[in-house]
Amino acid sequence: MRITKLGLASVIALTAAAPTFAQSAEAIAATDLNIRSGPGPQFEVVGVIPGGETTAVEGCLDASPWCKIDFNGATGWASSSYLAVAVEEQAVALSANPANIEINSVTYENTAATEADKGAGAAAGATIGALAAYAVGGPIGGIIAGGLLGGAVGSSAVEPTTETVTYVTSNPVETVYLDGEVVVGATVPQTVTTYEVPQDGLRYLNVNGQTVLVNTENNAIIHVVR
């Protein structure tokens, strides 16, 4: 199996030339990206890849938007929808399967699943919708500079106050399970119930185990409470 190796320098300079191959690939997080204990939004969050940071990609599941990663020694799974590589100096998500990027195929065996993961997995078996992912695109330098593409997509004139964050933390609500990853910029379906906060322009809910604040104008996530 051939696998592409993309160091940070080669990510910036990558063109349409034939790919090179090594033991693992590298990609850049397009925004602050969860590392989960398993390949799905129902699994526990065990870490975060900061937007703009590079992570090793050991391989991705076939027909699934989840890749096994190693970020500075923290291993787990991350959504390929927000793992970016460069094609002709443009950011492209791994989930788009660009022709000149080849990633090793891996499988997943839930041999070390926690009881919490099992319970969450059962609950997530009947998701009530899907998060609308934003498209990773534009100059690769925008991502390298610090996940700016994700920040731009999720930007809002309304910023959560300390009071608002404290309120949602102190008033937990029932989790809803949606296909897709919880990131700033992803959009929650309008059919999903959200809850009031003591601040105009924002509402909140818990998606896949994470409390988020959304913009009332478009239901886009503008803040993930960690």
C-alpha atoms as a PDB file:
ATOM      1  CA  MET A   1       0.000   0.000   0.000  1.00  0.00           C
ATOM      2  CA  ARG A   2       1.448   3.385  -0.999  1.00  0.00           C
ATOM      3  CA  ILE A   3       1.140   6.338   1.334  1.00  0.00           C
ATOM      4  CA  THR A   4       1.949   9.998   0.768  1.00  0.00           C
ATOM      5  CA  LYS A   5       4.388  11.802   3.085  1.00  0.00           C
ATOM      6  CA  LEU A   6       3.650  15.537   3.312  1.00  0.00           C
ATOM      7  CA  GLY A   7       6.037  17.483   5.523  1.00  0.00           C
ATOM      8  CA  LEU A   8       5.136  21.076   6.343  1.00  0.00           C
ATOM      9  CA  ALA A   9       7.475  22.460   3.688  1.00  0.00           C
ATOM     10  CA  SER A  10       6.180  20.084   1.035  1.00  0.00           C
ATOM     11  CA  VAL A  11       2.584  20.885   2.003  1.00  0.00           C
ATOM     12  CA  ILE A  12       3.218  24.524   1.154  1.00  0.00           C
ATOM     13  CA  ALA A  13       5.002  23.735  -2.110  1.00  0.00           C
ATOM     14  CA  LEU A  14       2.961  20.749  -3.310  1.00  0.00           C
ATOM     15  CA  THR A  15       2.034  20.861  -7.004  1.00  0.00           C
ATOM     16  CA  ALA A  16       0.441  18.469  -9.438  1.00  0.00           C
ATOM     17  CA  ALA A  17       3.647  16.446  -9.693  1.00  0.00           C
ATOM     18  CA  ALA A  18       3.526  12.713  -9.025  1.00  0.00           C
ATOM     19  CA  PRO A  19       3.212  11.995  -5.292  1.00  0.00           C
ATOM     20  CA  THR A  20       5.942  10.591  -3.089  1.00  0.00           C
ATOM     21  CA  PHE A  21       5.311   7.865  -0.559  1.00  0.00           C
ATOM     22  CA  ALA A  22       6.493   6.960   2.947  1.00  0.00           C
ATOM     23  CA  GLN A  23       5.263   5.433   6.189  1.00  0.00           C
ATOM     24  CA  SER A  24       2.660   8.057   7.091  1.00  0.00           C
ATOM     25  CA  ALA A  25       1.031  11.171   5.692  1.00  0.00           C
ATOM     26  CA  GLU A  26       0.779  14.574   7.269  1.00  0.00           C
ATOM     27  CA  ALA A  27      -2.142  16.982   7.230  1.00  0.00           C
ATOM     28  CA  ILE A  28      -3.055  20.311   8.801  1.00  0.00           C
ATOM     29  CA  ALA A  29      -6.084  20.878  11.026  1.00  0.00           C
ATOM     30  CA  ALA A  30      -8.298  23.436   9.277  1.00  0.00           C
ATOM     31  CA  THR A  31      -9.720  24.495  12.672  1.00  0.00           C
ATOM     32  CA  ASP A  32      -9.497  23.293  16.276  1.00  0.00           C
ATOM     33  CA  LEU A  33     -10.227  19.607  15.689  1.00  0.00           C
ATOM     34  CA  ASN A  34     -11.247  16.923  18.162  1.00  0.00           C
ATOM     35  CA  ILE A  35      -9.162  13.800  18.663  1.00  0.00           C
ATOM     36  CA  ARG A  36     -11.587  11.016  19.584  1.00  0.00           C
ATOM     37  CA  SER A  37     -11.021   7.594  21.093  1.00  0.00           C
ATOM     38  CA  GLY A  38     -12.724   5.932  18.126  1.00  0.00           C
ATOM     39  CA  PRO A  39     -13.820   6.700  14.564  1.00  0.00           C
ATOM     40  CA  GLY A  40     -17.106   8.479  15.139  1.00  0.00           C
ATOM     41  CA  PRO A  41     -18.717  11.482  16.826  1.00  0.00           C
ATOM     42  CA  GLN A  42     -20.110   9.252  19.600  1.00  0.00           C
ATOM     43  CA  PHE A  43     -16.643   8.470  20.962  1.00  0.00           C
ATOM     44  CA  GLU A  44     -14.967  10.349  23.797  1.00  0.00           C
ATOM     45  CA  VAL A  45     -12.901  13.443  23.008  1.00  0.00           C
ATOM     46  CA  VAL A  46      -9.359  12.701  24.218  1.00  0.00           C
ATOM     47  CA  GLY A  47      -7.552  15.731  22.816  1.00  0.00           C
ATOM     48  CA  VAL A  48      -7.621  18.598  20.338  1.00  0.00           C
ATOM     49  CA  ILE A  49      -5.453  19.468  17.349  1.00  0.00           C
ATOM     50  CA  PRO A  50      -5.211  23.284  17.304  1.00  0.00           C
ATOM     51  CA  GLY A  51      -6.149  24.915  14.024  1.00  0.00           C
ATOM     52  CA  GLY A  52      -3.102  25.311  11.789  1.00  0.00           C
ATOM     53  CA  GLU A  53      -1.115  22.528  13.482  1.00  0.00           C
ATOM     54  CA  THR A  54       0.248  19.532  11.565  1.00  0.00           C
ATOM     55  CA  THR A  55      -0.553  15.948  12.541  1.00  0.00           C
ATOM     56  CA  ALA A  56       0.640  12.578  11.301  1.00  0.00           C
ATOM     57  CA  VAL A  57      -2.069  10.539   9.565  1.00  0.00           C
ATOM     58  CA  GLU A  58      -1.513   6.816   9.927  1.00  0.00           C
ATOM     59  CA  GLY A  59      -4.417   5.935   7.667  1.00  0.00           C
ATOM     60  CA  CYS A  60      -8.121   6.408   7.016  1.00  0.00           C
ATOM     61  CA  LEU A  61     -11.109   4.103   7.036  1.00  0.00           C
ATOM     62  CA  ASP A  62     -12.583   3.142   3.677  1.00  0.00           C
ATOM     63  CA  ALA A  63     -15.976   4.727   2.980  1.00  0.00           C
ATOM     64  CA  SER A  64     -15.824   6.702   6.236  1.00  0.00           C
ATOM     65  CA  PRO A  65     -14.615  10.255   7.004  1.00  0.00           C
ATOM     66  CA  TRP A  66     -12.381   9.185   9.902  1.00  0.00           C
ATOM     67  CA  CYS A  67      -8.603   8.889  10.033  1.00  0.00           C
ATOM     68  CA  LYS A  68      -6.237   7.481  12.638  1.00  0.00           C
ATOM     69  CA  ILE A  69      -3.815  10.204  13.705  1.00  0.00           C
ATOM     70  CA  ASP A  70      -0.847  10.833  15.950  1.00  0.00           C
ATOM     71  CA  PHE A  71      -0.535  14.411  17.159  1.00  0.00           C
ATOM     72  CA  ASN A  72       2.599  14.944  19.224  1.00  0.00           C
ATOM     73  CA  GLY A  73       2.240  11.498  20.734  1.00  0.00           C
ATOM     74  CA  ALA A  74      -1.524  11.741  21.290  1.00  0.00           C
ATOM     75  CA  THR A  75      -3.147   9.023  19.207  1.00  0.00           C
ATOM     76  CA  GLY A  76      -6.781   8.732  18.215  1.00  0.00           C
ATOM     77  CA  TRP A  77      -9.196   9.509  15.406  1.00  0.00           C
ATOM     78  CA  ALA A  78     -10.050  12.763  13.630  1.00  0.00           C
ATOM     79  CA  SER A  79     -12.497  13.775  10.923  1.00  0.00           C
ATOM     80  CA  SER A  80     -10.927  13.884   7.464  1.00  0.00           C
ATOM     81  CA  SER A  81     -13.368  16.655   6.524  1.00  0.00           C
ATOM     82  CA  TYR A  82     -11.133  19.072   8.457  1.00  0.00           C
ATOM     83  CA  LEU A  83      -7.705  17.550   7.796  1.00  0.00           C
ATOM     84  CA  ALA A  84      -6.237  19.611   4.977  1.00  0.00           C
ATOM     85  CA  VAL A  85      -3.498  18.959   2.455  1.00  0.00           C
ATOM     86  CA  ALA A  86      -2.337  21.188  -0.372  1.00  0.00           C
ATOM     87  CA  VAL A  87      -3.088  20.599  -4.018  1.00  0.00           C
ATOM     88  CA  GLU A  88      -1.550  23.242  -6.253  1.00  0.00           C
ATOM     89  CA  GLU A  89      -1.177  25.438  -3.149  1.00  0.00           C
ATOM     90  CA  GLN A  90      -4.886  25.234  -2.354  1.00  0.00           C
ATOM     91  CA  ALA A  91      -6.250  23.621   0.794  1.00  0.00           C
ATOM     92  CA  VAL A  92      -8.159  20.393   0.103  1.00  0.00           C
ATOM     93  CA  ALA A  93      -9.785  18.181   2.721  1.00  0.00           C
ATOM     94  CA  LEU A  94      -8.609  14.571   2.903  1.00  0.00           C
ATOM     95  CA  SER A  95     -12.258  13.539   2.623  1.00  0.00           C
ATOM     96  CA  ALA A  96     -12.275  14.969  -0.906  1.00  0.00           C
ATOM     97  CA  ASN A  97      -9.785  12.235  -1.943  1.00  0.00           C
ATOM     98  CA  PRO A  98      -7.623  14.360  -4.273  1.00  0.00           C
ATOM     99  CA  ALA A  99      -6.145  12.225  -7.032  1.00  0.00           C
ATOM    100  CA  ASN A 100      -2.500  12.887  -6.177  1.00  0.00           C
ATOM    101  CA  ILE A 101      -2.868  12.141  -2.451  1.00  0.00           C
ATOM    102  CA  GLU A 102      -2.868   8.512  -1.372  1.00  0.00           C
ATOM    103  CA  ILE A 103      -3.551   7.557   2.223  1.00  0.00           C
ATOM    104  CA  ASN A 104      -3.160   4.140   3.776  1.00  0.00           C
ATOM    105  CA  SER A 105      -6.388   2.255   4.463  1.00  0.00           C
ATOM    106  CA  VAL A 106      -6.860   1.133   8.074  1.00  0.00           C
ATOM    107  CA  THR A 107      -9.489  -0.850   9.933  1.00  0.00           C
ATOM    108  CA  TYR A 108     -10.917  -0.366  13.402  1.00  0.00           C
ATOM    109  CA  GLU A 109     -11.519  -2.986  16.071  1.00  0.00           C
ATOM    110  CA  ASN A 110     -13.210  -1.719  19.209  1.00  0.00           C
ATOM    111  CA  THR A 111     -11.223  -4.031  21.483  1.00  0.00           C
ATOM    112  CA  ALA A 112     -10.486  -1.414  24.141  1.00  0.00           C
ATOM    113  CA  ALA A 113     -13.748   0.523  24.097  1.00  0.00           C
ATOM    114  CA  THR A 114     -14.808   2.050  27.371  1.00  0.00           C
ATOM    115  CA  GLU A 115     -18.266   1.490  28.767  1.00  0.00           C
ATOM    116  CA  ALA A 116     -18.976   5.167  28.144  1.00  0.00           C
ATOM    117  CA  ASP A 117     -18.034   4.762  24.488  1.00  0.00           C
ATOM    118  CA  LYS A 118     -20.308   1.731  24.176  1.00  0.00           C
ATOM    119  CA  GLY A 119     -23.225   3.565  25.733  1.00  0.00           C
ATOM    120  CA  ALA A 120     -22.700   6.632  23.611  1.00  0.00           C
ATOM    121  CA  GLY A 121     -22.384   4.493  20.529  1.00  0.00           C
ATOM    122  CA  ALA A 122     -25.755   2.892  21.218  1.00  0.00           C
ATOM    123  CA  ALA A 123     -27.341   6.294  21.772  1.00  0.00           C
ATOM    124  CA  ALA A 124     -25.806   7.633  18.570  1.00  0.00           C
ATOM    125  CA  GLY A 125     -27.178   4.745  16.572  1.00  0.00           C
ATOM    126  CA  ALA A 126     -30.252   6.845  15.814  1.00  0.00           C
ATOM    127  CA  THR A 127     -28.874  10.264  14.908  1.00  0.00           C
ATOM    128  CA  ILE A 128     -31.479  12.936  14.274  1.00  0.00           C
ATOM    129  CA  GLY A 129     -29.608  14.737  11.535  1.00  0.00           C
ATOM    130  CA  ALA A 130     -26.181  15.859  10.424  1.00  0.00           C
ATOM    131  CA  LEU A 131     -23.920  18.810  11.021  1.00  0.00           C
ATOM    132  CA  ALA A 132     -23.388  20.735   7.790  1.00  0.00           C
ATOM    133  CA  ALA A 133     -19.613  20.813   7.418  1.00  0.00           C
ATOM    134  CA  TYR A 134     -17.983  23.885   5.957  1.00  0.00           C
ATOM    135  CA  ALA A 135     -15.864  23.288   2.868  1.00  0.00           C
ATOM    136  CA  VAL A 136     -12.107  23.416   3.372  1.00  0.00           C
ATOM    137  CA  GLY A 137     -10.674  25.555   0.594  1.00  0.00           C
ATOM    138  CA  GLY A 138      -8.628  28.598  -0.256  1.00  0.00           C
ATOM    139  CA  PRO A 139      -4.881  29.232   0.096  1.00  0.00           C
ATOM    140  CA  ILE A 140      -3.109  26.642   2.234  1.00  0.00           C
ATOM    141  CA  GLY A 141      -1.272  29.489   3.960  1.00  0.00           C
ATOM    142  CA  GLY A 142      -4.526  30.549   5.620  1.00  0.00           C
ATOM    143  CA  ILE A 143      -4.660  27.269   7.467  1.00  0.00           C
ATOM    144  CA  ILE A 144      -0.973  27.167   8.300  1.00  0.00           C
ATOM    145  CA  ALA A 145      -1.274  30.647   9.808  1.00  0.00           C
ATOM    146  CA  GLY A 146      -3.564  29.268  12.480  1.00  0.00           C
ATOM    147  CA  GLY A 147      -6.711  27.651  11.162  1.00  0.00           C
ATOM    148  CA  LEU A 148      -7.899  30.970   9.782  1.00  0.00           C
ATOM    149  CA  LEU A 149     -10.279  29.374   7.298  1.00  0.00           C
ATOM    150  CA  GLY A 150     -12.232  27.696  10.051  1.00  0.00           C
ATOM    151  CA  GLY A 151     -12.271  30.867  12.090  1.00  0.00           C
ATOM    152  CA  ALA A 152     -13.536  32.912   9.150  1.00  0.00           C
ATOM    153  CA  VAL A 153     -16.335  30.496   8.392  1.00  0.00           C
ATOM    154  CA  GLY A 154     -17.502  30.422  11.972  1.00  0.00           C
ATOM    155  CA  SER A 155     -17.006  34.107  12.666  1.00  0.00           C
ATOM    156  CA  SER A 156     -19.913  36.110  14.036  1.00  0.00           C
ATOM    157  CA  ALA A 157     -20.630  39.629  15.171  1.00  0.00           C
ATOM    158  CA  VAL A 158     -21.796  38.064  18.440  1.00  0.00           C
ATOM    159  CA  GLU A 159     -19.047  36.796  20.726  1.00  0.00           C
ATOM    160  CA  PRO A 160     -19.959  34.813  23.850  1.00  0.00           C
ATOM    161  CA  THR A 161     -19.421  36.621  27.120  1.00  0.00           C
ATOM    162  CA  THR A 162     -17.937  35.021  30.213  1.00  0.00           C
ATOM    163  CA  GLU A 163     -21.417  35.141  31.752  1.00  0.00           C
ATOM    164  CA  THR A 164     -22.843  33.193  28.819  1.00  0.00           C
ATOM    165  CA  VAL A 165     -20.175  30.502  28.958  1.00  0.00           C
ATOM    166  CA  THR A 166     -20.674  30.164  32.703  1.00  0.00           C
ATOM    167  CA  TYR A 167     -24.438  29.894  32.204  1.00  0.00           C
ATOM    168  CA  VAL A 168     -24.295  27.055  29.675  1.00  0.00           C
ATOM    169  CA  THR A 169     -21.720  25.219  31.759  1.00  0.00           C
ATOM    170  CA  SER A 170     -23.956  25.460  34.814  1.00  0.00           C
ATOM    171  CA  ASN A 171     -27.118  24.440  32.932  1.00  0.00           C
ATOM    172  CA  PRO A 172     -26.375  21.218  31.052  1.00  0.00           C
ATOM    173  CA  VAL A 173     -28.917  19.933  28.519  1.00  0.00           C
ATOM    174  CA  GLU A 174     -29.526  16.541  26.988  1.00  0.00           C
ATOM    175  CA  THR A 175     -27.118  15.480  24.257  1.00  0.00           C
ATOM    176  CA  VAL A 176     -28.295  15.188  20.677  1.00  0.00           C
ATOM    177  CA  TYR A 177     -26.336  13.019  18.257  1.00  0.00           C
ATOM    178  CA  LEU A 178     -25.623  14.318  14.771  1.00  0.00           C
ATOM    179  CA  ASP A 179     -23.470  12.846  12.035  1.00  0.00           C
ATOM    180  CA  GLY A 180     -20.282  14.846  11.552  1.00  0.00           C
ATOM    181  CA  GLU A 181     -17.740  16.532  13.812  1.00  0.00           C
ATOM    182  CA  VAL A 182     -18.297  19.376  16.252  1.00  0.00           C
ATOM    183  CA  VAL A 183     -16.206  22.318  15.038  1.00  0.00           C
ATOM    184  CA  VAL A 184     -16.588  26.069  14.804  1.00  0.00           C
ATOM    185  CA  GLY A 185     -18.297  26.841  11.507  1.00  0.00           C
ATOM    186  CA  ALA A 186     -20.342  23.638  11.239  1.00  0.00           C
ATOM    187  CA  THR A 187     -24.090  24.270  11.056  1.00  0.00           C
ATOM    188  CA  VAL A 188     -26.705  22.598  13.249  1.00  0.00           C
ATOM    189  CA  PRO A 189     -29.981  21.626  11.493  1.00  0.00           C
ATOM    190  CA  GLN A 190     -32.817  24.057  12.138  1.00  0.00           C
ATOM    191  CA  THR A 191     -34.983  21.148  13.293  1.00  0.00           C
ATOM    192  CA  VAL A 192     -32.760  20.515  16.319  1.00  0.00           C
ATOM    193  CA  THR A 193     -33.886  22.119  19.590  1.00  0.00           C
ATOM    194  CA  THR A 194     -31.611  24.859  20.951  1.00  0.00           C
ATOM    195  CA  TYR A 195     -31.854  26.719  24.255  1.00  0.00           C
ATOM    196  CA  GLU A 196     -31.832  30.349  25.357  1.00  0.00           C
ATOM    197  CA  VAL A 197     -28.833  32.058  26.929  1.00  0.00           C
ATOM    198  CA  PRO A 198     -28.650  35.450  28.697  1.00  0.00           C
ATOM    199  CA  GLN A 199     -27.243  37.067  25.550  1.00  0.00           C
ATOM    200  CA  ASP A 200     -28.959  38.183  22.369  1.00  0.00           C
ATOM    201  CA  GLY A 201     -27.969  36.477  19.113  1.00  0.00           C
ATOM    202  CA  LEU A 202     -26.880  33.184  20.658  1.00  0.00           C
ATOM    203  CA  ARG A 203     -28.434  29.896  21.750  1.00  0.00           C
ATOM    204  CA  TYR A 204     -26.875  26.659  22.976  1.00  0.00           C
ATOM    205  CA  LEU A 205     -27.179  22.888  22.908  1.00  0.00           C
ATOM    206  CA  ASN A 206     -25.088  19.776  23.457  1.00  0.00           C
ATOM    207  CA  VAL A 207     -23.981  18.010  20.281  1.00  0.00           C
ATOM    208  CA  ASN A 208     -22.225  14.642  20.440  1.00  0.00           C
ATOM    209  CA  GLY A 209     -21.231  15.224  24.043  1.00  0.00           C
ATOM    210  CA  GLN A 210     -19.994  18.800  23.627  1.00  0.00           C
ATOM    211  CA  THR A 211     -21.771  21.991  24.640  1.00  0.00           C
ATOM    212  CA  VAL A 212     -21.782  24.537  21.816  1.00  0.00           C
ATOM    213  CA  LEU A 213     -23.028  28.060  21.249  1.00  0.00           C
ATOM    214  CA  VAL A 214     -24.675  28.807  17.915  1.00  0.00           C
ATOM    215  CA  ASN A 215     -25.485  31.989  16.034  1.00  0.00           C
ATOM    216  CA  THR A 216     -29.273  32.424  15.944  1.00  0.00           C
ATOM    217  CA  GLU A 217     -29.131  33.779  12.381  1.00  0.00           C
ATOM    218  CA  ASN A 218     -27.830  30.594  10.759  1.00  0.00           C
ATOM    219  CA  ASN A 219     -27.334  28.015  13.550  1.00  0.00           C
ATOM    220  CA  ALA A 220     -23.582  27.962  12.861  1.00  0.00           C
ATOM    221  CA  ILE A 221     -21.410  26.906  15.802  1.00  0.00           C
ATOM    222  CA  ILE A 222     -19.406  29.898  16.995  1.00  0.00           C
ATOM    223  CA  HIS A 223     -17.945  28.426  20.193  1.00  0.00           C
ATOM    224  CA  VAL A 224     -17.247  24.955  21.588  1.00  0.00           C
ATOM    225  CA  VAL A 225     -17.097  24.803  25.384  1.00  0.00           C
ATOM    226  CA  ARG A 226     -14.072  22.653  26.306  1.00  0.00           C
END
